[in-house]
Protein backbone atom coordinates (compact mmCIF):
# COMPACT_ATOMS: atom_id res chain seq x y z
CA MET A 1 136.20 45.56 53.83
CA ASN A 2 133.65 43.04 52.53
CA ALA A 3 130.01 42.92 53.65
CA LYS A 4 130.75 40.43 56.45
CA GLU A 5 133.54 42.59 57.88
CA ASN A 6 131.23 45.62 57.92
CA ILE A 7 128.71 44.06 60.30
CA TRP A 8 130.48 45.13 63.51
CA ILE A 9 130.58 48.69 62.15
CA GLU A 10 126.82 48.60 61.51
CA VAL A 11 126.24 47.46 65.10
CA ILE A 12 128.42 50.29 66.50
CA GLN A 13 126.62 52.84 64.34
CA GLN A 14 123.20 51.60 65.55
CA LEU A 15 124.32 51.75 69.19
CA ASN A 16 125.68 55.27 68.62
CA THR A 17 122.15 56.43 67.69
CA ASN A 18 120.64 54.61 70.72
CA GLU A 19 118.98 51.98 68.46
CA LEU A 20 118.51 48.39 69.54
CA PRO A 21 120.92 46.50 67.25
CA ASN A 22 119.36 44.24 64.66
CA GLN A 23 119.38 40.64 66.03
CA HIS A 24 120.28 39.24 62.61
CA LEU A 25 123.46 41.36 62.66
CA LEU A 26 124.30 40.41 66.25
CA ASP A 27 124.04 36.70 65.40
CA GLN A 28 126.73 37.13 62.71
CA LEU A 29 129.32 38.72 65.02
CA SER A 30 132.32 36.66 66.03
CA THR A 31 133.18 36.17 69.73
CA GLU A 32 136.04 38.70 69.38
CA GLU A 33 133.73 41.27 67.78
CA ARG A 34 131.14 40.80 70.53
CA GLU A 35 133.82 41.30 73.22
CA LEU A 36 135.10 44.40 71.48
CA ILE A 37 131.62 45.96 71.37
CA ASP A 38 130.88 44.92 75.00
CA ALA A 39 134.13 46.59 76.06
CA LEU A 40 133.28 49.78 74.15
CA GLN A 41 129.85 49.89 75.80
CA ALA A 42 131.23 49.25 79.26
CA ASP A 43 133.74 52.08 78.89
CA LYS A 44 131.13 54.35 77.21
CA MET A 45 133.33 54.61 74.13
CA ILE A 46 130.79 53.81 71.41
CA SER A 47 130.67 57.48 70.37
CA ASN A 48 134.49 57.64 70.12
CA ALA A 49 134.57 54.45 68.06
CA ASN A 50 131.92 55.83 65.71
CA VAL A 51 133.98 58.98 65.18
CA LEU A 52 137.03 56.87 64.27
CA ILE A 53 134.96 54.76 61.88
CA ASN A 54 133.78 57.89 60.12
CA LYS A 55 137.36 59.13 59.87
CA ILE A 56 138.54 55.83 58.43
CA ASN A 57 135.72 55.92 55.85
CA GLN A 58 136.69 59.50 54.93
CA ASP A 59 140.29 58.41 54.53
CA LYS A 60 139.25 55.71 52.04
CA ALA A 61 137.14 58.23 50.14
CA TRP A 62 140.10 60.64 50.05
CA ASN A 63 142.39 57.97 48.58
CA ARG A 64 139.81 57.21 45.89
CA ILE A 65 139.67 60.88 44.99
CA GLN A 66 143.46 61.03 44.77
CA THR A 67 143.51 58.00 42.47
CA HIS A 68 140.77 59.39 40.28
CA LEU A 69 142.62 62.66 39.87
CA GLN A 70 145.85 60.74 39.05
CA VAL A 71 148.03 62.78 41.44
CA LYS A 72 151.69 61.70 41.32
CA THR A 73 152.59 59.20 44.06
CA VAL A 74 155.87 60.93 44.84
CA LYS A 75 154.04 64.04 45.99
CA LEU A 76 151.54 62.08 48.07
CA ILE A 77 153.91 60.05 50.27
CA PRO A 78 154.84 62.76 52.87
CA ALA A 79 151.26 64.01 53.19
CA LEU A 80 149.77 60.54 53.51
CA LEU A 81 152.34 59.49 56.10
CA LYS A 82 151.51 62.57 58.17
CA TYR A 83 147.79 62.00 57.82
CA ALA A 84 148.18 58.29 58.65
CA ALA A 85 150.10 59.14 61.83
CA ILE A 86 147.42 61.52 62.99
CA LEU A 87 144.67 59.01 62.16
CA LEU A 88 146.30 55.91 63.58
CA LEU A 89 147.35 57.42 66.90
CA PRO A 90 143.83 57.49 68.41
CA VAL A 91 143.11 54.07 66.82
CA MET A 92 146.18 52.58 68.49
CA ILE A 93 145.32 54.20 71.84
CA LEU A 94 141.77 52.91 71.61
CA ALA A 95 142.89 49.39 70.56
CA GLY A 96 145.44 49.33 73.38
CA GLY A 97 142.83 50.38 75.90
CA ILE A 98 140.42 47.68 74.71
CA PHE A 99 143.15 45.04 74.76
CA TYR A 100 144.03 45.98 78.34
CA TYR A 101 140.34 46.04 79.32
CA ILE A 102 139.68 42.57 77.91
CA LYS A 103 142.85 40.94 79.27
CA ASN A 104 142.24 42.35 82.74
CA ASN A 105 138.55 41.47 82.85
CA GLU A 106 138.56 37.73 82.25
CA PRO A 107 135.47 35.90 83.61
CA VAL A 108 135.74 35.42 87.38
CA ALA A 109 134.11 32.78 89.59
CA LEU A 110 130.67 33.53 90.91
CA ASN A 111 131.72 33.59 94.57
CA ILE A 112 134.16 36.49 94.02
CA ALA A 113 132.29 38.28 91.24
CA LYS A 114 130.86 41.75 91.98
CA LEU A 115 127.63 42.03 90.09
CA ASN A 116 125.98 45.33 89.36
CA PRO A 117 122.32 45.37 90.48
CA THR A 118 119.56 45.55 87.86
CA ASP A 119 117.16 48.49 87.98
CA HIS A 120 113.83 46.79 87.30
CA ASN A 121 111.71 50.00 87.24
CA ARG A 122 112.48 51.34 83.79
CA ALA A 123 110.27 52.10 80.78
CA THR A 124 109.91 54.50 77.87
CA LEU A 125 106.57 56.03 77.01
CA VAL A 126 106.18 57.09 73.34
CA LEU A 127 103.42 59.69 72.95
CA ALA A 128 101.20 60.11 69.90
CA ASP A 129 103.42 62.87 68.47
CA GLY A 130 106.44 60.53 68.57
CA SER A 131 108.15 62.15 71.58
CA ALA A 132 109.61 59.82 74.15
CA VAL A 133 109.49 60.12 77.97
CA GLU A 134 111.82 58.11 80.21
CA LEU A 135 109.58 57.14 83.12
CA SER A 136 112.43 56.45 85.51
CA ASP A 137 113.35 60.18 85.22
CA ASN A 138 109.81 61.41 85.84
CA ALA A 139 108.55 59.79 89.06
CA ASN A 140 105.25 60.98 90.66
CA LYS A 141 104.54 63.37 87.86
CA GLN A 142 101.57 64.21 85.64
CA LEU A 143 103.05 63.80 82.15
CA ALA A 144 100.28 65.07 79.94
CA LYS A 145 96.53 65.50 79.37
CA VAL A 146 95.44 64.09 76.03
CA ALA A 147 91.99 63.40 74.53
CA GLY A 148 90.28 64.05 77.87
CA THR A 149 92.66 61.68 79.70
CA CYS A 150 95.27 62.51 82.35
CA ILE A 151 98.56 60.56 82.15
CA THR A 152 100.42 60.19 85.44
CA ASN A 153 103.60 58.28 86.41
CA LYS A 154 103.50 56.95 90.00
CA ASN A 155 106.58 55.82 91.97
CA LYS A 156 108.43 54.72 88.82
CA GLU A 157 106.29 51.57 88.69
CA LEU A 158 102.74 52.51 87.53
CA LEU A 159 101.70 54.53 84.47
CA SER A 160 98.13 55.64 85.02
CA TYR A 161 95.56 56.86 82.48
CA LYS A 162 92.42 58.44 83.95
CA GLN A 163 89.55 59.98 82.04
CA ASP A 164 89.17 63.60 83.20
CA GLY A 165 86.70 65.15 80.82
CA VAL A 166 84.97 64.30 77.58
CA ALA A 167 86.93 61.63 75.68
CA SER A 168 87.83 62.44 72.08
CA GLU A 169 85.96 60.33 69.53
CA LYS A 170 89.14 59.79 67.55
CA GLN A 171 91.44 57.31 69.28
CA VAL A 172 94.93 58.43 70.21
CA PHE A 173 97.59 55.73 70.72
CA ASN A 174 100.60 55.63 73.02
CA LYS A 175 103.29 53.00 73.22
CA LEU A 176 105.05 51.63 76.30
CA ILE A 177 108.50 50.08 75.74
CA ILE A 178 110.01 47.93 78.53
CA PRO A 179 113.74 47.21 78.20
CA ARG A 180 115.34 43.92 79.09
CA GLY A 181 115.65 43.45 82.86
CA ALA A 182 112.64 45.65 83.73
CA GLU A 183 108.82 45.62 84.05
CA TYR A 184 106.09 48.22 84.40
CA LYS A 185 102.43 48.34 85.39
CA LEU A 186 99.86 50.18 83.27
CA ALA A 187 96.37 51.29 84.33
CA LEU A 188 94.16 52.07 81.35
CA ALA A 189 91.38 54.65 81.42
CA ASP A 190 88.68 51.88 81.47
CA GLY A 191 90.01 50.41 84.74
CA THR A 192 91.99 47.56 83.09
CA THR A 193 95.44 46.92 84.54
CA VAL A 194 98.32 45.41 82.62
CA MET A 195 101.62 44.15 84.00
CA ILE A 196 104.15 44.31 81.15
CA ASN A 197 107.19 42.07 81.29
CA SER A 198 110.84 42.55 80.33
CA ALA A 199 111.74 43.26 76.65
CA SER A 200 108.13 43.99 75.71
CA VAL A 201 106.21 46.61 73.72
CA LEU A 202 102.51 47.41 74.20
CA ARG A 203 100.61 49.91 71.99
CA PHE A 204 97.27 51.09 73.43
CA PRO A 205 94.67 53.87 73.11
CA VAL A 206 94.77 56.80 75.53
CA ASN A 207 90.96 57.20 75.27
CA ILE A 208 90.15 53.48 75.32
CA ASN A 209 86.41 54.02 75.82
CA ALA A 210 86.06 56.07 72.63
CA THR A 211 85.10 53.14 70.42
CA ASP A 212 82.89 50.05 70.63
CA THR A 213 85.87 47.68 70.92
CA ARG A 214 88.81 48.18 73.25
CA ASN A 215 91.88 47.20 71.17
CA VAL A 216 95.45 46.95 72.46
CA TYR A 217 98.52 45.59 70.59
CA LEU A 218 101.22 43.48 72.22
CA GLU A 219 103.92 44.08 69.59
CA LYS A 220 106.49 41.88 71.41
CA GLY A 221 107.12 40.23 74.74
CA GLU A 222 104.65 39.34 77.47
CA ALA A 223 101.84 40.99 79.41
CA TYR A 224 99.39 40.00 82.18
CA PHE A 225 95.90 41.51 81.79
CA GLN A 226 93.20 42.10 84.35
CA VAL A 227 90.41 43.44 82.21
CA ALA A 228 87.67 45.69 83.59
CA LYS A 229 84.26 44.25 82.79
CA ASN A 230 82.15 46.03 80.17
CA PRO A 231 79.69 43.81 78.29
CA ASN A 232 79.12 46.53 75.69
CA LYS A 233 82.81 46.96 74.80
CA PRO A 234 84.79 43.76 74.17
CA PHE A 235 88.50 43.95 74.96
CA VAL A 236 90.82 42.54 72.27
CA VAL A 237 94.57 41.89 72.54
CA HIS A 238 96.29 41.60 69.17
CA ALA A 239 99.52 39.63 69.53
CA ASN A 240 101.67 38.06 66.78
CA GLY A 241 98.97 36.36 64.70
CA MET A 242 96.53 35.79 67.58
CA ASP A 243 93.62 37.94 68.69
CA VAL A 244 92.33 37.35 72.25
CA LYS A 245 88.81 38.66 72.83
CA VAL A 246 87.30 39.04 76.30
CA LEU A 247 84.56 40.92 78.19
CA GLY A 248 86.21 40.87 81.65
CA THR A 249 88.81 38.37 82.75
CA THR A 250 92.43 37.71 83.86
CA PHE A 251 94.90 36.16 81.44
CA ASN A 252 98.52 36.15 80.24
CA VAL A 253 99.83 36.60 76.67
CA ASN A 254 103.42 35.55 75.82
CA THR A 255 105.03 36.20 72.42
CA TYR A 256 108.70 35.71 73.33
CA THR A 257 109.14 32.59 71.13
CA LYS A 258 107.81 31.48 67.73
CA THR A 259 104.60 30.36 69.50
CA THR A 260 102.14 32.83 70.95
CA ARG A 261 100.55 31.60 74.16
CA THR A 262 97.43 32.80 75.91
CA THR A 263 96.94 31.35 79.42
CA LEU A 264 93.57 31.93 81.15
CA VAL A 265 93.46 32.46 84.93
CA GLU A 266 89.79 33.36 85.34
CA GLY A 267 86.80 34.22 83.11
CA LYS A 268 86.50 33.20 79.50
CA VAL A 269 88.35 34.21 76.34
CA GLU A 270 88.15 33.59 72.63
CA ALA A 271 91.53 33.09 70.90
CA LYS A 272 91.45 33.60 67.14
CA SER A 273 94.34 33.03 64.76
CA ALA A 274 95.15 35.08 61.67
CA ASN A 275 93.76 32.24 59.52
CA ASN A 276 90.46 32.26 61.50
CA GLN A 277 90.97 29.21 63.69
CA ILE A 278 89.16 29.71 67.03
CA ALA A 279 89.70 28.30 70.54
CA ILE A 280 87.41 29.10 73.49
CA LEU A 281 89.34 28.93 76.78
CA ALA A 282 88.11 28.13 80.27
CA PRO A 283 90.29 28.78 83.38
CA ASN A 284 93.48 26.66 83.51
CA GLN A 285 93.59 26.33 79.74
CA GLN A 286 96.05 27.67 77.22
CA ALA A 287 95.79 28.55 73.51
CA ILE A 288 98.98 28.10 71.49
CA PHE A 289 99.45 29.61 68.04
CA ASN A 290 102.44 28.24 66.13
CA GLN A 291 103.59 30.88 63.65
CA GLN A 292 105.56 28.38 61.60
CA THR A 293 102.72 25.89 61.03
CA ASN A 294 99.86 28.45 61.36
CA SER A 295 98.12 26.06 63.78
CA LEU A 296 96.08 26.99 66.85
CA THR A 297 95.75 24.37 69.62
CA LYS A 298 94.22 24.28 73.08
CA THR A 299 95.51 22.44 76.15
CA ASP A 300 94.96 22.13 79.90
CA VAL A 301 97.79 23.55 82.00
CA ASP A 302 98.85 24.47 85.54
CA VAL A 303 98.71 28.26 85.16
CA LEU A 304 101.18 29.01 87.98
CA PRO A 305 104.46 28.75 85.99
CA TYR A 306 103.00 30.94 83.23
CA VAL A 307 101.73 33.81 85.44
CA ALA A 308 104.01 33.67 88.48
CA TRP A 309 106.19 36.46 87.01
CA ALA A 310 103.37 38.96 87.51
CA ASN A 311 103.40 38.15 91.24
CA GLY A 312 107.13 38.59 91.72
CA LYS A 313 108.17 34.95 91.26
CA ILE A 314 109.75 32.71 88.61
CA VAL A 315 108.55 29.12 88.72
CA PHE A 316 110.24 26.26 86.85
CA GLU A 317 108.74 22.80 86.34
CA GLU A 318 111.23 20.43 84.78
CA ALA A 319 112.67 23.27 82.73
CA THR A 320 116.00 22.82 80.93
CA LEU A 321 118.95 24.95 82.07
CA ASP A 322 118.75 26.64 78.67
CA GLU A 323 115.15 27.71 79.46
CA VAL A 324 116.10 28.80 83.00
CA MET A 325 119.01 30.95 81.84
CA ASP A 326 116.85 32.45 79.08
CA GLN A 327 114.42 33.63 81.76
CA LEU A 328 117.17 34.98 83.98
CA SER A 329 118.79 36.71 81.02
CA LEU A 330 115.58 38.58 80.27
CA TRP A 331 114.84 39.52 83.87
CA TYR A 332 118.28 40.55 85.04
CA ASP A 333 119.63 41.95 81.75
CA TYR A 334 122.64 39.60 81.44
CA ASP A 335 123.84 37.72 78.39
CA VAL A 336 124.58 33.99 78.74
CA ASP A 337 127.25 31.81 77.15
CA PHE A 338 127.17 28.01 77.55
CA GLN A 339 130.56 26.36 77.35
CA SER A 340 128.96 23.19 75.97
CA ASP A 341 125.51 22.24 74.56
CA LYS A 342 125.29 19.23 76.87
CA ILE A 343 124.71 21.25 80.01
CA LYS A 344 121.83 23.08 78.39
CA GLN A 345 119.74 19.97 78.88
CA ILE A 346 120.08 19.74 82.69
CA HIS A 347 116.59 19.98 84.21
CA PHE A 348 115.40 22.14 87.11
CA SER A 349 112.23 22.55 89.14
CA GLY A 350 111.74 25.21 91.75
CA GLU A 351 110.46 28.63 92.71
CA ILE A 352 112.65 31.78 92.75
CA GLU A 353 111.82 35.20 94.13
CA ARG A 354 111.94 37.42 91.07
CA TYR A 355 113.50 40.34 92.92
CA SER A 356 116.34 38.32 94.46
CA ASP A 357 119.90 39.35 93.69
CA ILE A 358 120.95 37.36 90.62
CA LYS A 359 124.01 36.15 92.55
CA VAL A 360 121.67 34.47 95.07
CA VAL A 361 119.78 32.75 92.23
CA LEU A 362 122.96 31.53 90.50
CA ASN A 363 124.30 30.20 93.82
CA ILE A 364 121.18 28.07 94.24
CA ILE A 365 121.56 26.67 90.74
CA GLU A 366 125.28 25.96 91.30
CA GLN A 367 124.52 24.03 94.50
CA THR A 368 121.77 21.88 92.94
CA GLY A 369 122.71 21.48 89.30
CA GLY A 370 126.35 20.39 89.00
CA VAL A 371 127.23 23.54 87.10
CA LYS A 372 129.42 26.54 87.77
CA PHE A 373 129.20 30.14 86.72
CA SER A 374 131.75 32.79 85.95
CA ILE A 375 131.08 36.48 85.19
CA LYS A 376 132.54 39.10 82.90
CA ASN A 377 130.85 42.49 82.53
CA ARG A 378 127.17 41.63 82.05
CA ARG A 379 127.83 38.17 80.60
CA ILE A 380 127.38 34.86 82.48
CA TYR A 381 129.47 31.89 81.44
CA VAL A 382 128.02 28.44 82.29
CA ASP A 383 130.20 25.35 82.58
CA GLN A 384 130.09 21.88 84.15
CA ARG A 385 131.40 21.62 87.69
């Protein structure tokens, strides 16, 4: 196999170790390779596939050893045939099962599709020692007491940090990882609350009051902050080349695209770029840092479309269908395939309840947009009506 042909193997190996596959690798997969991997995931056969890959690699290594030792071919034929039969049997069974799965699971029209619901209350907490806790498995439970702070998970929707003793002077950091299709609320020990959106990662100090500045790090995704006022301890959000400094205020930070956006709801913030450009925001203003041009700009906005997600809604104002489906893909954990680039540019305006069944949302778009949807596994296909 050449390097290009090995990409699908790398993806399977990453999935087998519960890693999020590298996006650069995923972008290089063919449609057939993607369907194969989707089918393996749906049938929970990633582990089996990885075992077969390892066997195939061992087989190649064995052949190289035989060649290097210059063993006579006539003696190898019976043994190799026997080995090949043992090796290929599970491969053929697996391939046959995948072929049957794909052929009998063609995309079906939206009105007859049975869509699996999305569990929106999921998150992984990574503690300072590197251990991970799945919050959906530990509802209403005190998880730990660290640096004078109690960590409690409440109703699989709120992770609460509460100072319960003398805070350690040395800051201890935790990380909250939100998968695609989910969200989680975080209450920091200083009284600040953070709603963290789908496919996001926030790193934050357990004992946030231990230092003169309250620093948190939005490593990816989007978060909505309601910062507890403390004039003596500025609160700073570090996010993809932009630092947002406040004393007490409500604002949203979005890093999903190549521009980092801070949208101010109330109060006052200072947005500072990595190259020391500064923008002071008043309510209903937005700071935009473009990572490609290293430019920081400020503009007046209607804040509603940018913060509605934190209140259980998705609001579109003349958004393209491409932008709409990108939002739905994140929130409901479905992949999207457009059958033509033309339909990506259809525009929509409207308000959608964020917790609606995705089938309801897609039905509304079908009725108003001249498009039709079909479904296969967790993939939505978009075509013109």
